[in-house]
Amino acid sequence: MAAKKAAKESQKRSELYSVDGQGKATTTRRHCPRCGPGVFMGEHKDRFSCGKCGYTEFKQ
Protein backbone atom coordinates (compact mmCIF):
# COMPACT_ATOMS: atom_id res chain seq x y z
CA MET A 1 0.00 0.00 0.00
CA ALA A 2 1.17 3.50 -0.76
CA ALA A 3 1.63 5.95 2.07
CA LYS A 4 -0.82 8.86 2.23
CA LYS A 5 0.54 12.32 1.51
CA ALA A 6 -0.02 15.09 4.02
CA ALA A 7 -2.58 17.66 2.95
CA LYS A 8 -0.95 20.93 1.90
CA GLU A 9 -2.39 23.91 3.73
CA SER A 10 -2.99 26.95 1.55
CA GLN A 11 -2.42 30.46 2.80
CA LYS A 12 -5.44 32.60 3.54
CA ARG A 13 -5.93 35.62 1.30
CA SER A 14 -6.18 37.86 4.38
CA GLU A 15 -2.56 36.95 5.24
CA LEU A 16 -1.34 38.48 1.95
CA TYR A 17 -2.41 42.00 2.97
CA SER A 18 -1.79 44.24 5.98
CA VAL A 19 -4.06 47.08 7.11
CA ASP A 20 -2.65 50.23 8.70
CA GLY A 21 -4.36 52.41 11.31
CA GLN A 22 -6.20 54.49 8.70
CA GLY A 23 -7.74 51.44 7.03
CA LYS A 24 -5.45 51.37 3.98
CA ALA A 25 -4.56 47.86 2.79
CA THR A 26 -1.09 47.10 1.41
CA THR A 27 0.36 43.87 0.10
CA THR A 28 2.93 41.94 2.10
CA ARG A 29 4.14 39.89 -0.88
CA ARG A 30 5.88 40.87 -4.10
CA HIS A 31 4.03 40.92 -7.43
CA CYS A 32 5.41 39.16 -10.49
CA PRO A 33 6.92 41.71 -12.93
CA ARG A 34 5.85 39.61 -15.94
CA CYS A 35 2.29 38.75 -14.89
CA GLY A 36 1.54 42.09 -13.22
CA PRO A 37 -0.52 43.01 -10.17
CA GLY A 38 -2.69 40.27 -8.76
CA VAL A 39 -0.14 37.46 -9.17
CA PHE A 40 2.01 37.07 -6.07
CA MET A 41 5.48 35.55 -6.04
CA GLY A 42 6.27 32.73 -3.64
CA GLU A 43 9.08 33.34 -1.15
CA HIS A 44 11.57 30.52 -0.66
CA LYS A 45 14.77 30.32 1.36
CA ASP A 46 17.01 31.48 -1.50
CA ARG A 47 14.65 32.91 -4.14
CA PHE A 48 11.31 34.48 -5.11
CA SER A 49 9.36 32.60 -7.78
CA CYS A 50 6.12 33.00 -9.71
CA GLY A 51 3.94 29.90 -9.82
CA LYS A 52 2.12 31.06 -12.94
CA CYS A 53 4.91 31.90 -15.41
CA GLY A 54 8.02 30.49 -13.67
CA TYR A 55 9.85 33.82 -13.30
CA THR A 56 12.56 33.56 -10.60
CA GLU A 57 14.64 36.16 -8.75
CA PHE A 58 17.41 34.95 -6.48
CA LYS A 59 18.09 36.56 -3.09
CA GLN A 60 21.52 37.94 -2.44
PDB file of N, CA and C in Angstrom:
ATOM      1  N   MET A   1       0.827  -1.182   0.000  1.00  0.00           N
ATOM      2  CA  MET A   1       0.000   0.000   0.000  1.00  0.00           C
ATOM      3  C   MET A   1       0.872   1.246   0.000  1.00  0.00           C
ATOM      4  N   ALA A   2       0.441   2.238  -0.705  1.00  0.00           N
ATOM      5  CA  ALA A   2       1.172   3.504  -0.764  1.00  0.00           C
ATOM      6  C   ALA A   2       0.843   4.347   0.463  1.00  0.00           C
ATOM      7  N   ALA A   3       1.840   5.073   0.920  1.00  0.00           N
ATOM      8  CA  ALA A   3       1.632   5.952   2.071  1.00  0.00           C
ATOM      9  C   ALA A   3       0.827   7.173   1.643  1.00  0.00           C
ATOM     10  N   LYS A   4      -0.024   7.679   2.535  1.00  0.00           N
ATOM     11  CA  LYS A   4      -0.821   8.859   2.234  1.00  0.00           C
ATOM     12  C   LYS A   4       0.045  10.105   2.359  1.00  0.00           C
ATOM     13  N   LYS A   5      -0.172  11.052   1.443  1.00  0.00           N
ATOM     14  CA  LYS A   5       0.538  12.321   1.510  1.00  0.00           C
ATOM     15  C   LYS A   5      -0.198  13.260   2.461  1.00  0.00           C
ATOM     16  N   ALA A   6       0.571  14.107   3.133  1.00  0.00           N
ATOM     17  CA  ALA A   6      -0.022  15.089   4.022  1.00  0.00           C
ATOM     18  C   ALA A   6      -0.715  16.158   3.189  1.00  0.00           C
ATOM     19  N   ALA A   7      -1.838  16.622   3.661  1.00  0.00           N
ATOM     20  CA  ALA A   7      -2.584  17.662   2.953  1.00  0.00           C
ATOM     21  C   ALA A   7      -1.837  18.980   3.058  1.00  0.00           C
ATOM     22  N   LYS A   8      -1.653  19.660   1.930  1.00  0.00           N
ATOM     23  CA  LYS A   8      -0.949  20.932   1.904  1.00  0.00           C
ATOM     24  C   LYS A   8      -1.916  22.041   2.289  1.00  0.00           C
ATOM     25  N   GLU A   9      -1.536  22.830   3.288  1.00  0.00           N
ATOM     26  CA  GLU A   9      -2.391  23.912   3.734  1.00  0.00           C
ATOM     27  C   GLU A   9      -2.113  25.142   2.884  1.00  0.00           C
ATOM     28  N   SER A  10      -3.153  25.742   2.348  1.00  0.00           N
ATOM     29  CA  SER A  10      -2.988  26.951   1.550  1.00  0.00           C
ATOM     30  C   SER A  10      -3.049  28.166   2.470  1.00  0.00           C
ATOM     31  N   GLN A  11      -2.450  29.247   2.012  1.00  0.00           N
ATOM     32  CA  GLN A  11      -2.418  30.464   2.796  1.00  0.00           C
ATOM     33  C   GLN A  11      -3.708  31.233   2.592  1.00  0.00           C
ATOM     34  N   LYS A  12      -4.214  31.824   3.642  1.00  0.00           N
ATOM     35  CA  LYS A  12      -5.437  32.603   3.544  1.00  0.00           C
ATOM     36  C   LYS A  12      -5.157  33.910   2.815  1.00  0.00           C
ATOM     37  N   ARG A  13      -6.100  34.380   2.050  1.00  0.00           N
ATOM     38  CA  ARG A  13      -5.928  35.621   1.303  1.00  0.00           C
ATOM     39  C   ARG A  13      -5.732  36.802   2.251  1.00  0.00           C
ATOM     40  N   SER A  14      -6.322  36.757   3.430  1.00  0.00           N
ATOM     41  CA  SER A  14      -6.177  37.858   4.381  1.00  0.00           C
ATOM     42  C   SER A  14      -4.742  37.956   4.908  1.00  0.00           C
ATOM     43  N   GLU A  15      -3.953  36.906   4.803  1.00  0.00           N
ATOM     44  CA  GLU A  15      -2.565  36.947   5.243  1.00  0.00           C
ATOM     45  C   GLU A  15      -1.653  37.604   4.213  1.00  0.00           C
ATOM     46  N   LEU A  16      -2.142  37.854   2.991  1.00  0.00           N
ATOM     47  CA  LEU A  16      -1.343  38.478   1.950  1.00  0.00           C
ATOM     48  C   LEU A  16      -1.394  40.000   2.019  1.00  0.00           C
ATOM     49  N   TYR A  17      -2.256  40.560   2.861  1.00  0.00           N
ATOM     50  CA  TYR A  17      -2.413  42.000   2.972  1.00  0.00           C
ATOM     51  C   TYR A  17      -2.278  42.423   4.427  1.00  0.00           C
ATOM     52  N   SER A  18      -1.816  43.668   4.640  1.00  0.00           N
ATOM     53  CA  SER A  18      -1.793  44.238   5.976  1.00  0.00           C
ATOM     54  C   SER A  18      -2.561  45.556   5.934  1.00  0.00           C
ATOM     55  N   VAL A  19      -3.237  45.876   7.034  1.00  0.00           N
ATOM     56  CA  VAL A  19      -4.058  47.079   7.108  1.00  0.00           C
ATOM     57  C   VAL A  19      -3.449  48.002   8.148  1.00  0.00           C
ATOM     58  N   ASP A  20      -3.213  49.277   7.759  1.00  0.00           N
ATOM     59  CA  ASP A  20      -2.650  50.231   8.702  1.00  0.00           C
ATOM     60  C   ASP A  20      -3.765  50.862   9.537  1.00  0.00           C
ATOM     61  N   GLY A  21      -3.404  51.795  10.393  1.00  0.00           N
ATOM     62  CA  GLY A  21      -4.362  52.413  11.306  1.00  0.00           C
ATOM     63  C   GLY A  21      -5.449  53.211  10.619  1.00  0.00           C
ATOM     64  N   GLN A  22      -5.204  53.699   9.412  1.00  0.00           N
ATOM     65  CA  GLN A  22      -6.197  54.493   8.699  1.00  0.00           C
ATOM     66  C   GLN A  22      -7.099  53.640   7.821  1.00  0.00           C
ATOM     67  N   GLY A  23      -6.895  52.337   7.813  1.00  0.00           N
ATOM     68  CA  GLY A  23      -7.745  51.438   7.033  1.00  0.00           C
ATOM     69  C   GLY A  23      -7.237  51.174   5.633  1.00  0.00           C
ATOM     70  N   LYS A  24      -6.004  51.587   5.319  1.00  0.00           N
ATOM     71  CA  LYS A  24      -5.449  51.368   3.983  1.00  0.00           C
ATOM     72  C   LYS A  24      -4.769  49.999   3.937  1.00  0.00           C
ATOM     73  N   ALA A  25      -5.123  49.199   2.937  1.00  0.00           N
ATOM     74  CA  ALA A  25      -4.565  47.858   2.794  1.00  0.00           C
ATOM     75  C   ALA A  25      -3.359  47.903   1.855  1.00  0.00           C
ATOM     76  N   THR A  26      -2.273  47.226   2.249  1.00  0.00           N
ATOM     77  CA  THR A  26      -1.087  47.104   1.410  1.00  0.00           C
ATOM     78  C   THR A  26      -0.693  45.635   1.344  1.00  0.00           C
ATOM     79  N   THR A  27      -0.033  45.264   0.260  1.00  0.00           N
ATOM     80  CA  THR A  27       0.356  43.868   0.098  1.00  0.00           C
ATOM     81  C   THR A  27       1.624  43.574   0.894  1.00  0.00           C
ATOM     82  N   THR A  28       1.731  42.351   1.377  1.00  0.00           N
ATOM     83  CA  THR A  28       2.930  41.940   2.099  1.00  0.00           C
ATOM     84  C   THR A  28       3.836  41.099   1.210  1.00  0.00           C
ATOM     85  N   ARG A  29       3.358  40.693   0.059  1.00  0.00           N
ATOM     86  CA  ARG A  29       4.137  39.890  -0.884  1.00  0.00           C
ATOM     87  C   ARG A  29       4.483  40.697  -2.115  1.00  0.00           C
ATOM     88  N   ARG A  30       5.475  40.222  -2.864  1.00  0.00           N
ATOM     89  CA  ARG A  30       5.877  40.870  -4.100  1.00  0.00           C
ATOM     90  C   ARG A  30       4.980  40.395  -5.244  1.00  0.00           C
ATOM     91  N   HIS A  31       4.761  41.275  -6.217  1.00  0.00           N
ATOM     92  CA  HIS A  31       4.025  40.918  -7.426  1.00  0.00           C
ATOM     93  C   HIS A  31       5.015  40.463  -8.490  1.00  0.00           C
ATOM     94  N   CYS A  32       4.572  39.620  -9.389  1.00  0.00           N
ATOM     95  CA  CYS A  32       5.408  39.159 -10.493  1.00  0.00           C
ATOM     96  C   CYS A  32       5.538  40.288 -11.516  1.00  0.00           C
ATOM     97  N   PRO A  33       6.773  40.639 -11.941  1.00  0.00           N
ATOM     98  CA  PRO A  33       6.923  41.708 -12.928  1.00  0.00           C
ATOM     99  C   PRO A  33       6.411  41.319 -14.320  1.00  0.00           C
ATOM    100  N   ARG A  34       6.374  40.047 -14.635  1.00  0.00           N
ATOM    101  CA  ARG A  34       5.853  39.608 -15.939  1.00  0.00           C
ATOM    102  C   ARG A  34       4.336  39.554 -15.948  1.00  0.00           C
ATOM    103  N   CYS A  35       3.745  38.954 -14.933  1.00  0.00           N
ATOM    104  CA  CYS A  35       2.287  38.746 -14.892  1.00  0.00           C
ATOM    105  C   CYS A  35       1.541  39.995 -14.439  1.00  0.00           C
ATOM    106  N   GLY A  36       2.165  40.849 -13.664  1.00  0.00           N
ATOM    107  CA  GLY A  36       1.541  42.087 -13.218  1.00  0.00           C
ATOM    108  C   GLY A  36       0.853  41.951 -11.875  1.00  0.00           C
ATOM    109  N   PRO A  37       0.172  43.018 -11.462  1.00  0.00           N
ATOM    110  CA  PRO A  37      -0.522  43.015 -10.174  1.00  0.00           C
ATOM    111  C   PRO A  37      -1.583  41.917 -10.112  1.00  0.00           C
ATOM    112  N   GLY A  38      -1.708  41.327  -8.952  1.00  0.00           N
ATOM    113  CA  GLY A  38      -2.695  40.265  -8.764  1.00  0.00           C
ATOM    114  C   GLY A  38      -2.083  38.886  -8.735  1.00  0.00           C
ATOM    115  N   VAL A  39      -0.829  38.746  -9.200  1.00  0.00           N
ATOM    116  CA  VAL A  39      -0.141  37.461  -9.168  1.00  0.00           C
ATOM    117  C   VAL A  39       1.039  37.614  -8.221  1.00  0.00           C
ATOM    118  N   PHE A  40       0.968  36.960  -7.076  1.00  0.00           N
ATOM    119  CA  PHE A  40       2.011  37.067  -6.072  1.00  0.00           C
ATOM    120  C   PHE A  40       3.130  36.068  -6.332  1.00  0.00           C
ATOM    121  N   MET A  41       4.329  36.432  -5.913  1.00  0.00           N
ATOM    122  CA  MET A  41       5.483  35.548  -6.038  1.00  0.00           C
ATOM    123  C   MET A  41       5.666  34.799  -4.723  1.00  0.00           C
ATOM    124  N   GLY A  42       6.011  33.528  -4.810  1.00  0.00           N
ATOM    125  CA  GLY A  42       6.273  32.728  -3.636  1.00  0.00           C
ATOM    126  C   GLY A  42       7.660  33.023  -3.096  1.00  0.00           C
ATOM    127  N   GLU A  43       7.786  33.053  -1.771  1.00  0.00           N
ATOM    128  CA  GLU A  43       9.075  33.338  -1.148  1.00  0.00           C
ATOM    129  C   GLU A  43       9.665  32.039  -0.600  1.00  0.00           C
ATOM    130  N   HIS A  44      10.841  31.703  -1.099  1.00  0.00           N
ATOM    131  CA  HIS A  44      11.569  30.518  -0.658  1.00  0.00           C
ATOM    132  C   HIS A  44      12.804  30.961   0.108  1.00  0.00           C
ATOM    133  N   LYS A  45      13.583  30.012   0.572  1.00  0.00           N
ATOM    134  CA  LYS A  45      14.769  30.319   1.364  1.00  0.00           C
ATOM    135  C   LYS A  45      15.783  31.139   0.579  1.00  0.00           C
ATOM    136  N   ASP A  46      15.966  30.836  -0.701  1.00  0.00           N
ATOM    137  CA  ASP A  46      17.006  31.482  -1.497  1.00  0.00           C
ATOM    138  C   ASP A  46      16.489  32.212  -2.732  1.00  0.00           C
ATOM    139  N   ARG A  47      15.161  32.310  -2.914  1.00  0.00           N
ATOM    140  CA  ARG A  47      14.646  32.913  -4.139  1.00  0.00           C
ATOM    141  C   ARG A  47      13.178  33.319  -3.983  1.00  0.00           C
ATOM    142  N   PHE A  48      12.725  34.160  -4.922  1.00  0.00           N
ATOM    143  CA  PHE A  48      11.313  34.476  -5.113  1.00  0.00           C
ATOM    144  C   PHE A  48      10.919  33.859  -6.445  1.00  0.00           C
ATOM    145  N   SER A  49       9.764  33.218  -6.521  1.00  0.00           N
ATOM    146  CA  SER A  49       9.365  32.599  -7.776  1.00  0.00           C
ATOM    147  C   SER A  49       7.864  32.756  -7.998  1.00  0.00           C
ATOM    148  N   CYS A  50       7.517  32.886  -9.295  1.00  0.00           N
ATOM    149  CA  CYS A  50       6.125  32.998  -9.713  1.00  0.00           C
ATOM    150  C   CYS A  50       5.630  31.598 -10.072  1.00  0.00           C
ATOM    151  N   GLY A  51       4.499  31.204  -9.529  1.00  0.00           N
ATOM    152  CA  GLY A  51       3.942  29.898  -9.825  1.00  0.00           C
ATOM    153  C   GLY A  51       3.194  29.847 -11.138  1.00  0.00           C
ATOM    154  N   LYS A  52       2.882  31.015 -11.704  1.00  0.00           N
ATOM    155  CA  LYS A  52       2.120  31.061 -12.942  1.00  0.00           C
ATOM    156  C   LYS A  52       3.018  30.987 -14.170  1.00  0.00           C
ATOM    157  N   CYS A  53       4.072  31.845 -14.215  1.00  0.00           N
ATOM    158  CA  CYS A  53       4.914  31.899 -15.411  1.00  0.00           C
ATOM    159  C   CYS A  53       6.309  31.318 -15.197  1.00  0.00           C
ATOM    160  N   GLY A  54       6.714  31.078 -13.940  1.00  0.00           N
ATOM    161  CA  GLY A  54       8.018  30.487 -13.669  1.00  0.00           C
ATOM    162  C   GLY A  54       9.141  31.490 -13.493  1.00  0.00           C
ATOM    163  N   TYR A  55       8.837  32.786 -13.485  1.00  0.00           N
ATOM    164  CA  TYR A  55       9.853  33.822 -13.305  1.00  0.00           C
ATOM    165  C   TYR A  55      10.499  33.656 -11.929  1.00  0.00           C
ATOM    166  N   THR A  56      11.834  33.755 -11.848  1.00  0.00           N
ATOM    167  CA  THR A  56      12.561  33.555 -10.602  1.00  0.00           C
ATOM    168  C   THR A  56      13.563  34.671 -10.394  1.00  0.00           C
ATOM    169  N   GLU A  57      13.620  35.204  -9.171  1.00  0.00           N
ATOM    170  CA  GLU A  57      14.637  36.159  -8.747  1.00  0.00           C
ATOM    171  C   GLU A  57      15.332  35.553  -7.535  1.00  0.00           C
ATOM    172  N   PHE A  58      16.660  35.530  -7.573  1.00  0.00           N
ATOM    173  CA  PHE A  58      17.414  34.952  -6.479  1.00  0.00           C
ATOM    174  C   PHE A  58      17.749  36.030  -5.444  1.00  0.00           C
ATOM    175  N   LYS A  59      17.714  35.647  -4.167  1.00  0.00           N
ATOM    176  CA  LYS A  59      18.090  36.560  -3.089  1.00  0.00           C
ATOM    177  C   LYS A  59      19.601  36.654  -3.029  1.00  0.00           C
ATOM    178  N   GLN A  60      20.071  37.777  -2.536  1.00  0.00           N
ATOM    179  CA  GLN A  60      21.520  37.942  -2.438  1.00  0.00           C
ATOM    180  C   GLN A  60      21.966  38.069  -1.028  1.00  0.00           C
TER     181      GLN A  60
END
